[in-house]
Protein backbone atom coordinates (compact mmCIF):
# COMPACT_ATOMS: atom_id res chain seq x y z
CA MET A 1 98.84 90.04 83.02
CA PRO A 2 99.91 91.84 86.07
CA GLY A 3 103.11 90.23 86.67
CA VAL A 4 104.79 90.91 83.34
CA PRO A 5 107.30 93.19 83.95
CA GLY A 6 107.75 96.87 82.13
CA GLY A 7 110.13 98.95 83.39
CA ALA A 8 111.20 97.01 86.25
CA ALA A 9 113.25 98.35 88.99
CA ASP A 10 113.29 95.06 90.92
CA PHE A 11 110.48 93.96 89.26
CA GLU A 12 107.03 96.29 88.43
CA THR A 13 103.59 94.95 89.02
CA GLU A 14 100.77 96.07 90.67
CA ALA A 15 99.46 95.80 94.23
CA VAL A 16 96.41 95.71 96.30
CA GLU A 17 96.66 98.42 99.08
CA GLY A 18 98.02 96.45 101.82
CA ASP A 19 98.96 96.28 105.73
CA ALA A 20 101.21 98.46 106.24
CA GLN A 21 103.72 100.10 103.78
CA ALA A 22 105.02 96.65 102.63
CA VAL A 23 104.67 96.32 98.80
CA THR A 24 102.92 93.54 97.82
CA MET A 25 102.40 92.22 94.03
CA SER A 26 99.31 91.40 92.25
CA ALA A 27 99.37 87.97 92.27
CA HIS A 28 99.41 87.66 96.16
CA HIS A 29 97.89 89.99 98.49
CA GLU A 30 98.29 89.59 102.13
CA THR A 31 94.72 89.83 103.75
CA ALA A 32 94.14 91.72 106.99
CA SER A 33 95.19 90.37 109.94
CA LYS A 34 92.16 89.16 112.15
CA PRO A 35 91.84 92.04 114.34
CA THR A 36 92.36 94.15 111.69
CA ARG A 37 89.61 92.67 109.59
CA ALA A 38 87.70 92.55 112.34
CA LEU A 39 87.66 96.26 112.54
CA ALA A 40 87.24 96.82 109.07
CA PHE A 41 84.02 94.96 108.84
CA ALA A 42 82.74 96.23 111.96
CA ARG A 43 83.61 100.03 110.58
CA PHE A 44 81.68 99.04 107.33
CA SER A 45 78.43 97.55 109.36
CA GLY A 46 77.91 100.93 111.13
CA GLU A 47 80.25 100.90 113.96
CA HIS A 48 82.61 103.68 112.11
CA ARG A 49 80.54 104.30 109.14
CA SER A 50 81.39 108.38 109.21
CA MET A 51 84.47 109.26 109.41
CA VAL A 52 85.72 111.29 112.06
CA SER A 53 85.94 115.09 111.08
CA GLY A 54 89.32 116.48 109.82
CA PHE A 55 91.39 113.16 110.10
CA GLU A 56 90.98 112.45 113.98
CA ARG A 57 91.59 109.26 113.95
CA MET A 58 94.21 109.20 111.34
CA LYS A 59 96.56 111.30 113.20
CA PRO A 60 100.15 109.65 114.15
CA LYS A 61 98.88 108.11 117.22
CA PHE A 62 98.33 104.80 117.95
CA LYS A 63 94.87 105.36 119.57
CA TYR A 64 92.84 105.62 116.19
CA ILE A 65 93.78 101.76 115.78
CA SER A 66 90.98 100.75 118.15
CA LYS A 67 91.32 97.70 119.90
CA PRO A 68 94.66 96.85 117.76
CA GLY A 69 95.90 100.12 118.51
CA LYS A 70 95.22 99.61 122.47
CA ALA A 71 96.75 96.19 122.65
CA LEU A 72 99.50 97.57 120.84
CA ALA A 73 100.20 100.25 123.41
CA LEU A 74 99.85 97.50 126.20
CA GLN A 75 102.40 94.98 124.42
CA VAL A 76 104.88 97.56 123.87
CA GLY A 77 104.98 98.78 127.65
CA ALA A 78 105.58 95.16 128.39
CA ALA A 79 108.33 94.38 125.73
CA ALA A 80 110.06 97.61 126.63
CA LEU A 81 110.11 96.51 130.31
CA LEU A 82 111.39 92.81 129.10
CA PHE A 83 113.94 94.73 126.75
CA ALA A 84 115.47 96.13 129.44
CA CYS A 85 115.69 92.88 131.66
CA THR A 86 116.59 90.52 128.92
CA PRO A 87 120.26 89.75 128.33
CA GLY A 88 121.80 90.02 124.64
CA SER A 89 118.67 91.89 123.55
CA ASN A 90 119.01 93.99 120.61
CA SER A 91 120.69 96.83 122.50
CA VAL A 92 122.97 99.71 122.01
CA ASN A 93 125.36 97.92 124.48
CA SER A 94 124.58 94.53 122.90
CA VAL A 95 127.24 92.24 122.18
CA ALA A 96 125.63 90.42 119.38
CA ALA A 97 128.01 91.20 116.47
CA PRO A 98 125.39 90.74 113.02
CA LYS A 99 129.21 89.15 111.46
CA GLN A 100 128.32 86.28 113.68
CA ARG A 101 125.17 85.73 112.64
CA PRO A 102 122.35 86.61 109.67
CA VAL A 103 121.10 90.03 109.78
CA ARG A 104 117.53 88.94 110.37
CA ILE A 105 115.14 90.91 108.41
CA LEU A 106 111.18 90.76 108.83
CA ILE A 107 108.84 90.51 106.06
CA ASP A 108 104.82 90.42 106.48
CA GLN A 109 104.59 87.26 104.11
CA ALA A 110 106.17 84.65 102.39
CA PRO A 111 106.52 84.67 98.80
CA LEU A 112 103.83 82.64 96.93
CA THR A 113 106.70 81.03 94.70
CA LEU A 114 110.49 81.40 94.12
CA ASN A 115 109.81 79.81 90.70
CA PRO A 116 111.64 82.52 88.73
CA ARG A 117 109.18 81.51 85.68
CA MET A 118 106.22 82.51 87.90
CA ALA A 119 107.25 84.41 90.51
CA ILE A 120 104.81 87.45 90.17
CA ASP A 121 104.50 88.50 93.59
CA ALA A 122 106.84 91.51 94.96
CA VAL A 123 108.14 89.26 97.65
CA GLY A 124 109.29 86.28 95.51
CA GLN A 125 110.23 88.44 92.84
CA ARG A 126 112.51 90.58 95.24
CA LEU A 127 114.11 87.23 96.93
CA GLY A 128 114.25 85.77 93.41
CA ALA A 129 116.61 88.79 92.69
CA LEU A 130 119.31 87.29 95.39
CA ILE A 131 119.35 83.81 94.17
CA PHE A 132 119.05 83.93 90.53
CA ALA A 133 121.12 86.51 88.01
CA GLY A 134 119.88 88.11 84.93
CA LEU A 135 121.92 89.47 82.22
CA THR A 136 121.32 92.97 83.96
CA ARG A 137 120.92 93.84 87.21
CA ILE A 138 119.17 96.82 88.65
CA ASP A 139 121.03 98.94 91.46
CA GLN A 140 119.49 101.13 94.17
CA ASP A 141 119.20 104.06 92.18
CA LEU A 142 117.54 102.18 89.60
CA GLN A 143 119.99 102.29 86.86
CA VAL A 144 120.42 99.22 84.85
CA ARG A 145 124.09 97.26 85.85
CA PRO A 146 125.85 94.01 84.70
CA ALA A 147 125.03 91.17 86.18
CA LEU A 148 125.34 87.46 83.78
CA ALA A 149 126.70 90.41 80.70
CA LYS A 150 128.96 92.85 80.95
CA SER A 151 128.17 94.87 78.42
CA TRP A 152 124.99 95.48 75.81
CA ARG A 153 124.14 97.48 72.88
CA LEU A 154 122.02 98.33 70.53
CA ASP A 155 122.58 96.95 66.74
CA ALA A 156 122.39 99.28 63.81
CA ASP A 157 119.09 97.68 62.92
CA GLN A 158 117.40 99.28 66.20
CA ARG A 159 115.45 95.88 66.44
CA SER A 160 118.09 94.01 68.20
CA TRP A 161 120.38 94.02 71.53
CA LEU A 162 123.51 92.38 71.75
CA PHE A 163 124.57 91.21 75.08
CA SER A 164 128.50 89.82 75.69
CA THR A 165 128.72 87.75 78.81
CA GLU A 166 131.70 87.43 81.35
CA PRO A 167 133.64 84.49 80.68
CA GLY A 168 133.66 81.91 83.23
CA LEU A 169 130.73 82.44 84.45
CA ARG A 170 129.28 79.39 86.54
CA ASP A 171 126.28 78.51 88.20
CA HIS A 172 125.75 77.37 92.04
CA ALA A 173 126.43 73.97 91.20
CA GLY A 174 130.04 74.86 89.07
CA GLU A 175 128.31 74.37 85.71
CA PRO A 176 129.37 76.63 83.22
CA ILE A 177 126.88 79.12 81.67
CA GLY A 178 128.06 80.03 78.11
CA ALA A 179 126.02 82.23 75.47
CA SER A 180 124.19 79.36 74.11
CA ASP A 181 123.14 78.46 78.00
CA MET A 182 121.80 81.64 78.35
CA VAL A 183 120.28 81.64 74.91
CA LYS A 184 118.32 78.59 75.32
CA CYS A 185 117.25 80.29 78.86
CA LEU A 186 115.68 82.93 77.44
CA GLU A 187 114.07 81.41 75.09
CA ALA A 188 112.42 78.82 77.78
CA TYR A 189 111.06 82.02 79.14
CA ARG A 190 109.62 83.11 75.78
CA VAL A 191 107.85 80.15 74.09
CA GLY A 192 108.43 77.50 76.89
CA LYS A 193 105.65 75.21 78.49
CA PRO A 194 104.15 75.92 80.70
CA VAL A 195 103.63 79.22 79.75
CA SER A 196 106.14 81.67 81.78
CA ARG A 197 104.18 84.47 83.63
CA LEU A 198 107.01 86.52 82.55
CA SER A 199 106.79 85.26 78.74
CA GLY A 200 105.56 89.07 77.63
CA ALA A 201 108.81 90.73 79.73
CA LEU A 202 110.32 92.02 76.44
CA PRO A 203 107.21 93.46 74.23
CA GLY A 204 107.73 91.97 70.62
CA TRP A 205 110.35 89.73 71.16
CA ARG A 206 110.58 87.69 68.04
CA GLY A 207 113.92 85.22 69.09
CA THR A 208 117.23 84.90 70.72
CA SER A 209 120.30 83.18 69.01
CA VAL A 210 124.09 83.21 69.46
CA THR A 211 125.97 85.72 67.02
CA PRO A 212 129.14 84.35 65.21
CA ALA A 213 131.25 86.80 67.33
CA GLY A 214 129.68 84.91 70.46
CA GLU A 215 127.27 87.40 71.56
CA ILE A 216 123.49 87.16 72.67
CA ARG A 217 121.25 88.73 70.24
CA LEU A 218 117.41 89.54 71.27
CA GLU A 219 115.57 90.27 68.29
CA LEU A 220 112.35 92.23 68.09
CA GLU A 221 109.42 93.47 66.28
CA LYS A 222 110.37 96.99 66.89
CA PRO A 223 112.70 99.16 68.60
CA ASP A 224 112.66 98.88 72.40
CA PRO A 225 114.78 101.04 74.35
CA TYR A 226 113.68 99.57 77.71
CA LEU A 227 114.63 96.38 76.94
CA PRO A 228 118.41 96.29 79.23
CA ARG A 229 116.11 96.69 82.22
CA ASN A 230 113.37 94.56 81.29
CA ALA A 231 115.96 91.91 80.85
CA SER A 232 116.59 92.02 84.46
CA SER A 233 113.78 89.88 85.04
CA LEU A 234 114.52 87.13 82.75
CA ARG A 235 117.23 85.23 85.54
CA PHE A 236 119.46 82.01 84.76
CA TYR A 237 118.66 78.50 86.94
CA ARG A 238 119.19 75.08 86.57
CA LEU A 239 117.35 72.26 87.73
CA LYS A 240 119.50 69.02 89.28
CA GLY A 241 119.43 66.38 86.44
CA SER A 242 118.05 68.57 83.84
CA SER A 243 120.29 69.53 81.14
CA ASP A 244 118.44 72.35 79.69
CA PRO A 245 118.55 75.38 81.70
CA CYS A 246 115.31 77.48 83.03
CA ILE A 247 112.76 74.61 82.53
CA ASP A 248 109.81 74.14 84.73
CA PRO A 249 109.83 71.94 87.60
CA GLU A 250 106.52 70.39 86.13
CA THR A 251 108.75 69.97 82.12
CA ALA A 252 111.59 68.06 84.63
CA GLY A 253 108.93 65.63 86.30
CA GLU A 254 109.61 66.27 90.00
CA GLN A 255 110.12 69.88 92.28
CA SER A 256 113.78 69.32 91.30
CA LEU A 257 116.62 71.12 93.29
CA TRP A 258 117.04 74.61 92.12
CA ILE A 259 120.44 75.71 91.18
CA GLY A 260 121.00 79.59 91.33
CA SER A 261 123.10 82.16 89.65
CA GLY A 262 122.99 84.74 91.81
CA ALA A 263 124.65 86.33 95.32
CA TYR A 264 122.84 83.84 97.89
CA ARG A 265 122.19 79.89 97.35
CA TYR A 266 118.69 78.75 96.97
CA PRO A 267 117.58 78.31 100.65
CA ALA A 268 117.72 74.65 102.11
CA GLY A 269 113.64 73.75 102.15
CA GLY A 270 112.76 76.72 100.32
CA PHE A 271 109.68 78.70 101.31
CA SER A 272 105.96 76.89 101.66
CA SER A 273 103.25 79.42 103.24
CA ASP A 274 103.42 78.28 106.77
CA THR A 275 107.87 78.87 106.55
CA ALA A 276 108.49 81.27 109.63
CA SER A 277 112.16 81.98 108.50
CA VAL A 278 114.74 81.30 105.79
CA VAL A 279 118.27 81.76 105.98
CA PHE A 280 120.05 82.87 102.71
CA GLU A 281 123.89 81.97 102.45
CA PRO A 282 125.80 84.03 100.03
CA VAL A 283 127.99 82.74 97.40
CA ASP A 284 130.53 85.13 98.58
CA PRO A 285 130.53 86.38 102.22
CA THR A 286 133.08 89.13 101.54
CA ARG A 287 130.24 91.07 99.46
CA TYR A 288 127.06 89.95 101.14
CA PRO A 289 126.25 88.91 104.56
CA PRO A 290 123.91 86.16 105.21
CA ALA A 291 120.33 87.09 105.54
CA GLU A 292 117.73 85.40 107.83
CA PHE A 293 114.14 86.48 106.51
CA ILE A 294 111.66 86.17 109.19
CA VAL A 295 108.15 85.53 108.23
CA VAL A 296 105.71 87.51 110.39
CA ARG A 297 102.10 88.43 109.28
CA ASP A 298 100.47 90.18 112.10
CA GLU A 299 101.57 93.63 111.89
CA LEU A 300 101.61 93.69 116.14
CA GLN A 301 103.93 90.67 116.33
CA ARG A 302 106.32 92.20 113.80
CA VAL A 303 106.34 95.33 116.02
CA MET A 304 107.41 93.09 119.47
CA ARG A 305 109.60 91.02 117.34
CA LEU A 306 111.81 94.32 116.68
CA ILE A 307 111.76 95.61 120.31
CA GLN A 308 112.40 92.37 121.62
CA GLY A 309 115.46 92.33 119.86
CA ASP A 310 114.08 89.18 117.42
CA ALA A 311 114.77 90.69 114.30
CA ASP A 312 117.61 93.53 113.19
CA ILE A 313 115.78 95.38 110.18
CA ALA A 314 112.04 96.03 109.04
CA GLN A 315 111.94 97.64 105.24
CA ASN A 316 108.71 98.63 104.30
CA SER A 317 106.94 95.92 106.56
CA ILE A 318 105.26 98.29 109.57
CA SER A 319 102.74 101.08 108.74
CA LEU A 320 104.16 104.77 108.63
CA VAL A 321 102.50 105.69 111.60
CA ARG A 322 103.97 102.77 113.77
CA THR A 323 107.48 103.41 112.04
CA ARG A 324 107.46 106.77 113.16
CA TRP A 325 106.08 105.86 116.73
CA LEU A 326 108.89 103.21 116.75
CA HIS A 327 111.65 105.46 116.09
CA GLU A 328 110.51 108.17 118.35
CA ARG A 329 109.75 105.90 121.21
CA PHE A 330 112.74 104.01 121.18
CA SER A 331 115.33 106.16 119.58
CA ASP A 332 118.22 104.41 121.56
CA ARG A 333 117.90 101.07 120.14
CA PHE A 334 116.50 102.12 116.29
CA ASN A 335 118.38 103.85 113.33
CA LEU A 336 115.75 105.18 110.73
CA VAL A 337 116.60 105.46 107.22
CA GLU A 338 114.64 107.06 104.81
CA ARG A 339 114.39 107.55 101.19
CA ASN A 340 111.70 108.62 98.74
CA GLY A 341 110.14 106.08 96.68
CA VAL A 342 108.88 105.16 93.19
CA ASN A 343 105.83 103.18 94.23
CA VAL A 344 102.59 105.23 93.34
CA SER A 345 99.04 104.67 94.44
CA TYR A 346 96.47 106.03 91.50
CA LEU A 347 92.64 105.63 91.63
CA ALA A 348 91.34 103.63 88.35
CA PHE A 349 87.81 105.10 86.61
CA ASN A 350 86.45 102.36 84.15
CA VAL A 351 85.82 104.89 81.44
CA ARG A 352 83.84 102.12 79.82
CA ASP A 353 81.03 102.91 82.47
CA PRO A 354 78.30 105.35 81.10
CA LEU A 355 78.61 107.98 84.01
CA LEU A 356 82.80 107.28 84.02
CA SER A 357 83.20 107.94 80.45
CA ARG A 358 82.49 111.32 81.17
CA ARG A 359 85.58 113.65 81.70
CA GLU A 360 83.78 115.78 83.66
CA VAL A 361 82.64 113.39 86.16
CA ARG A 362 86.25 112.18 86.40
CA GLU A 363 87.70 115.52 87.22
CA ALA A 364 85.20 116.33 89.84
CA LEU A 365 85.69 112.89 91.66
CA ALA A 366 89.49 113.73 91.63
CA LEU A 367 89.09 117.24 92.53
CA ALA A 368 87.29 116.04 95.97
CA ILE A 369 89.62 114.16 97.41
CA PRO A 370 91.79 115.23 100.13
CA ARG A 371 95.33 113.99 99.28
CA GLU A 372 97.13 116.31 101.70
CA GLU A 373 95.21 115.45 104.29
CA TYR A 374 95.94 111.50 103.65
CA ILE A 375 99.77 112.13 103.40
CA ASN A 376 100.10 114.39 106.44
CA HIS A 377 98.11 111.95 108.98
CA LYS A 378 98.76 108.52 107.65
CA MET A 379 101.65 108.30 105.88
CA ALA A 380 103.43 110.10 108.63
CA GLY A 381 105.97 112.01 106.60
CA PHE A 382 106.63 109.06 104.54
CA GLY A 383 104.74 110.17 101.36
CA SER A 384 104.40 113.04 98.70
CA LEU A 385 101.63 113.83 96.29
CA ALA A 386 101.57 112.25 93.18
CA GLY A 387 101.61 114.05 89.83
CA SER A 388 102.06 111.30 87.57
CA LEU A 389 102.60 107.21 87.42
CA LEU A 390 106.15 108.21 87.26
CA ALA A 391 107.86 109.31 90.52
CA PRO A 392 110.48 112.78 90.41
CA PRO A 393 113.31 110.76 90.47
CA LEU A 394 112.67 109.14 87.39
CA ILE A 395 114.12 111.52 84.48
CA GLU A 396 111.20 110.69 82.27
CA SER A 397 108.50 111.61 84.81
CA PHE A 398 106.65 114.77 84.41
CA GLN A 399 104.79 116.01 87.33
CA VAL A 400 100.89 117.61 86.85
CA SER A 401 99.98 119.73 90.10
CA TRP A 402 96.12 119.22 91.02
CA ARG A 403 94.46 120.74 94.01
CA HIS A 404 92.08 119.99 96.13
CA ASP A 405 89.06 121.78 95.27
CA PRO A 406 85.43 120.08 96.33
CA GLU A 407 83.75 123.75 95.29
CA ARG A 408 84.72 123.15 92.14
CA ALA A 409 83.81 119.38 91.57
CA LYS A 410 80.31 120.58 92.56
CA ALA A 411 80.25 123.24 89.71
CA LEU A 412 81.62 120.45 87.14
CA LEU A 413 78.59 118.28 88.35
CA ASP A 414 75.94 120.82 88.26
CA GLN A 415 76.91 121.34 84.93
CA ALA A 416 77.52 117.60 83.45
CA GLY A 417 73.64 117.79 84.48
CA PHE A 418 74.04 116.09 87.83
CA PRO A 419 72.66 118.75 90.47
CA GLN A 420 72.20 117.80 94.14
CA LYS A 421 68.20 118.54 95.13
CA SER A 422 66.66 118.79 98.38
CA GLY A 423 70.19 116.97 100.00
CA LYS A 424 69.61 113.99 97.79
CA PRO A 425 72.47 112.14 96.06
CA ARG A 426 73.38 113.36 92.63
CA PHE A 427 74.38 109.55 91.86
CA SER A 428 76.09 106.28 93.33
CA LEU A 429 79.05 104.49 92.31
CA LYS A 430 80.39 101.12 93.47
CA PHE A 431 84.51 101.17 94.56
CA ARG A 432 85.95 97.71 94.92
CA THR A 433 88.39 96.81 97.68
CA THR A 434 89.32 94.29 99.92
CA PRO A 435 89.29 93.85 103.76
CA VAL A 436 93.20 94.90 103.70
CA ARG A 437 93.44 97.81 106.24
CA GLU A 438 95.21 100.40 104.26
CA GLY A 439 93.29 99.84 101.02
CA PHE A 440 89.81 100.04 102.88
CA GLU A 441 90.92 103.14 104.63
CA THR A 442 91.60 104.89 101.24
CA ALA A 443 88.13 103.59 100.08
CA LEU A 444 86.63 105.20 103.46
CA ILE A 445 88.52 108.43 102.47
CA LEU A 446 87.31 108.29 98.99
CA GLN A 447 83.73 107.59 100.47
CA GLU A 448 83.67 110.82 102.67
CA ALA A 449 85.24 113.06 100.26
CA PHE A 450 82.85 112.09 97.21
CA ARG A 451 79.75 112.49 100.00
CA LYS A 452 80.69 115.84 100.59
CA ILE A 453 80.25 116.42 96.26
CA GLY A 454 76.56 114.91 96.65
CA VAL A 455 77.89 111.20 95.79
CA VAL A 456 77.48 108.18 97.23
CA LEU A 457 80.09 105.56 97.12
CA GLU A 458 79.16 102.13 97.71
CA LEU A 459 81.52 99.92 98.96
CA ASP A 460 82.32 96.60 97.37
CA ILE A 461 84.46 94.52 99.62
CA VAL A 462 85.83 90.96 98.56
CA GLU A 463 88.98 89.28 99.23
CA PRO A 464 91.89 89.80 97.28
CA ALA A 465 91.57 86.83 94.82
CA ALA A 466 88.30 88.23 93.58
CA PHE A 467 89.28 91.83 93.71
CA LEU A 468 91.73 90.51 91.29
CA SER A 469 89.78 88.46 88.90
CA ALA A 470 87.22 91.30 88.83
CA ILE A 471 89.90 94.20 87.74
CA ARG A 472 91.25 91.99 85.09
CA LYS A 473 87.78 91.60 83.78
CA GLY A 474 86.85 95.22 83.59
CA SER A 475 84.31 94.63 86.49
CA PHE A 476 84.29 97.54 88.34
CA GLN A 477 83.67 101.43 88.14
CA LEU A 478 86.21 102.55 90.36
CA TYR A 479 89.28 100.69 92.48
CA SER A 480 92.24 101.81 93.78
CA SER A 481 95.59 100.12 93.52
CA ARG A 482 99.68 100.51 93.74
CA TRP A 483 102.37 100.14 90.89
CA VAL A 484 105.53 98.68 92.81
CA GLY A 485 108.79 99.39 91.05
CA VAL A 486 108.12 101.95 88.66
CA ALA A 487 111.50 102.75 86.97
CA ASP A 488 110.52 104.01 83.57
CA GLY A 489 108.17 105.37 81.01
CA SER A 490 107.06 101.71 79.56
CA ILE A 491 104.61 101.87 82.76
CA LEU A 492 102.66 104.58 80.67
CA ASN A 493 102.59 102.36 77.38
CA ARG A 494 101.68 99.16 79.56
CA THR A 495 98.79 101.00 81.18
CA LEU A 496 97.28 103.70 78.47
CA ARG A 497 97.96 101.99 75.17
CA SER A 498 94.63 100.64 73.93
CA GLY A 499 94.11 97.20 73.85
CA THR A 500 97.11 96.44 76.53
CA THR A 501 96.48 94.09 79.27
CA ASN A 502 97.35 96.09 81.96
CA ASN A 503 94.98 99.16 80.44
CA ARG A 504 91.92 97.62 82.25
CA VAL A 505 90.04 101.04 82.31
CA GLY A 506 89.09 100.60 78.66
CA TYR A 507 91.54 103.70 77.97
CA ALA A 508 91.53 104.17 74.16
CA ASP A 509 92.60 107.23 72.43
CA PRO A 510 94.60 107.34 68.85
CA ALA A 511 96.42 110.37 69.71
CA ALA A 512 97.59 108.78 72.80
CA ASP A 513 98.52 105.52 71.15
CA ARG A 514 100.71 107.64 68.76
CA LEU A 515 102.79 109.24 71.29
CA LEU A 516 103.19 105.81 72.94
CA ASP A 517 104.23 104.11 69.52
CA ARG A 518 107.17 106.71 69.37
CA MET A 519 107.87 106.81 72.85
CA SER A 520 108.26 102.96 72.93
CA SER A 521 110.57 103.10 70.32
CA GLU A 522 112.17 106.14 70.67
CA SER A 523 116.07 105.19 70.90
CA SER A 524 117.54 108.85 72.02
CA GLU A 525 116.80 109.40 75.50
CA ALA A 526 115.93 113.36 75.25
CA GLY A 527 113.49 112.47 72.41
CA ARG A 528 111.95 109.28 74.77
CA ILE A 529 112.00 112.24 78.01
CA SER A 530 109.85 114.84 75.71
CA LEU A 531 107.40 112.47 74.28
CA ALA A 532 107.29 110.62 77.63
CA ARG A 533 106.40 114.13 79.22
CA ASP A 534 103.43 114.51 76.56
CA VAL A 535 101.84 111.11 77.13
CA GLN A 536 101.82 112.31 80.79
CA LYS A 537 100.46 115.37 80.31
CA LYS A 538 97.38 113.86 78.06
CA MET A 539 96.69 111.25 80.63
CA PHE A 540 95.67 114.12 83.00
CA GLU A 541 93.89 115.68 80.34
CA ASP A 542 91.42 112.68 80.20
CA LEU A 543 92.39 111.14 83.33
CA PRO A 544 91.64 107.34 82.90
CA TYR A 545 93.79 107.23 86.03
CA PHE A 546 94.04 109.87 88.76
CA PRO A 547 97.64 109.53 90.70
CA LEU A 548 97.34 109.89 94.67
CA TRP A 549 100.49 109.52 95.95
CA TYR A 550 104.09 108.11 96.47
CA TRP A 551 105.41 105.78 99.45
CA GLY A 552 108.62 106.57 100.57
CA ASN A 553 111.07 103.93 102.07
CA ALA A 554 111.38 103.63 105.77
CA LEU A 555 113.69 101.37 107.06
CA LEU A 556 114.26 100.55 110.68
CA ILE A 557 117.47 99.02 112.04
CA GLY A 558 118.62 97.97 115.25
CA ARG A 559 121.58 100.21 116.70
CA SER A 560 124.03 96.95 117.10
CA ALA A 561 123.16 95.74 113.62
CA ASP A 562 123.74 99.18 111.88
CA PRO A 563 127.25 99.89 110.57
CA GLY A 564 125.85 103.10 109.15
CA LEU A 565 123.69 102.78 106.52
CA ARG A 566 122.67 105.98 104.64
CA SER A 567 119.33 106.96 102.63
CA GLU A 568 121.19 106.40 99.42
CA HIS A 569 122.30 102.74 100.65
CA LEU A 570 118.30 102.15 99.88
CA SER A 571 116.56 101.29 96.94
CA LEU A 572 114.20 103.51 95.67
CA SER A 573 111.63 100.37 94.87
CA GLY A 574 112.61 98.95 98.31
CA ALA A 575 114.65 95.78 96.58
CA TYR A 576 116.52 93.36 99.39
CA GLU A 577 119.72 93.15 97.10
CA PRO A 578 120.76 96.96 97.43
CA LEU A 579 120.07 97.02 100.94
CA LEU A 580 122.30 93.83 101.60
CA ARG A 581 125.24 94.86 99.19
CA ALA A 582 125.52 98.30 101.15
CA LEU A 583 125.13 96.24 104.59
CA ALA A 584 128.26 94.40 103.64
CA GLN A 585 130.20 97.14 102.07
CA VAL A 586 129.80 99.48 104.89
CA ARG A 587 131.00 97.12 107.40
CA SER A 588 134.16 96.40 105.52
CA GLN A 589 134.75 99.86 105.23
CA ALA A 590 133.95 100.11 108.81
CA ASP A 591 136.76 97.48 109.54
CA GLU A 592 139.43 98.94 107.86
């Protein structure tokens, strides 16, 4: 299932390309705002059916956004005037001190749930990581760090991991968290009812027990070098009135009070679909600041909130072009902090399809895509070409170069027996997408690129829920999506191993399976890196997926709220915990 993590950073899962750069996971995809959706369907119905040459409408100006863009330009002008005349606004000279109130963070949607057993959406996972702690946590560089466990080691049999917990651990209600409590919690994730959406987080997980020395033993069917990282997504909690940890509220009989174990307490009232904002109070205010998460679904309104001083931070929640524009237009009010990222967009080919089962057809389609133009004009300098599902910052990454060559694409299709005669199309394909803006615009780019090599791309536009249902069933020819929080080579096993849930394209190759099996059980880092690189080369040889681009991280922060954040303070995957930790640390250093 899409929510099962593998190589989790803060969390790894699949996302429909969504509004702005915001990361959205497969179980919950933000639908387009009404103006955006209206524009999308107007384009599809004929108003903008053909793309303007040279991506003119995709240059980093607000003009190209049609009516929503014009509205933004007018609203921004009015907001700037209002901002200048409003006392207490978030300006350089503002007297409002972040220490005296929560840091206000804009998000584009509420979490689907904060239930740690069931949260598989990006916002739910990221907020959940603030409230609930696992044995390990993932830092801003995607390295595994101690959390409830102080250390871990691989047992001599290579099929068990042993974790030692800190003495004196307690949850937010003051109850002890001992090794036996943690074992009960983990077993609830593994075999508890109702089935947790994270039950498959650790492949081949056979059981959990306490050793005579008081360590927590996780037993596996085969070696898994990625287990300490993936264990970070299995987080400890209790429900008020329940003696057993990590059970589902349905088992407890009611929506009981959540008792967490992380850096922040569970917010009073929780989140719901119509929540406007929620304040998270830290357990230790010296290590984390209070944080208010403000839900604003419409991007124009998020921009307005920032300009009017009603929010301090927008991290990956405003489109890249608008982020760049805001910083340039209001550089006296906002700082922009950037960092490369690991989230990757890709094109998926259903290799069970008669046409797409032919490797030369897949190669031709990939050669036709002008990725550089999209990155230069649409991502406003925040993205980069993808040469793998693994981004360059990851040690197992191997980047394969691939150039845009439509003439070579045409020649391949001619050789494959699909000549273009009398200007007629060679063949047609269907592309599943949603009305969400960036996914739809990617579809338009592909449609135009394929038209130039004589291939008609029909857009099958469905709501996100229907999109997800279709790709899970393999009911597609082509689709594009995004993997979020990719942190290691286990993503390759999840997407390429024959028969795995996330291998939706139907790719099956015995040689690839053998490589993946060796990679997934290799305890030596050097050996695993070598095998992972062989797998990535194999993926490009066979092309079941074509990586498109990596998404950078962009954080806009009001100058009065910025204690001096730098790029290394941002998470490579866009997680909130490293950001809030860094805010407290940098402020503390500034006060000394």
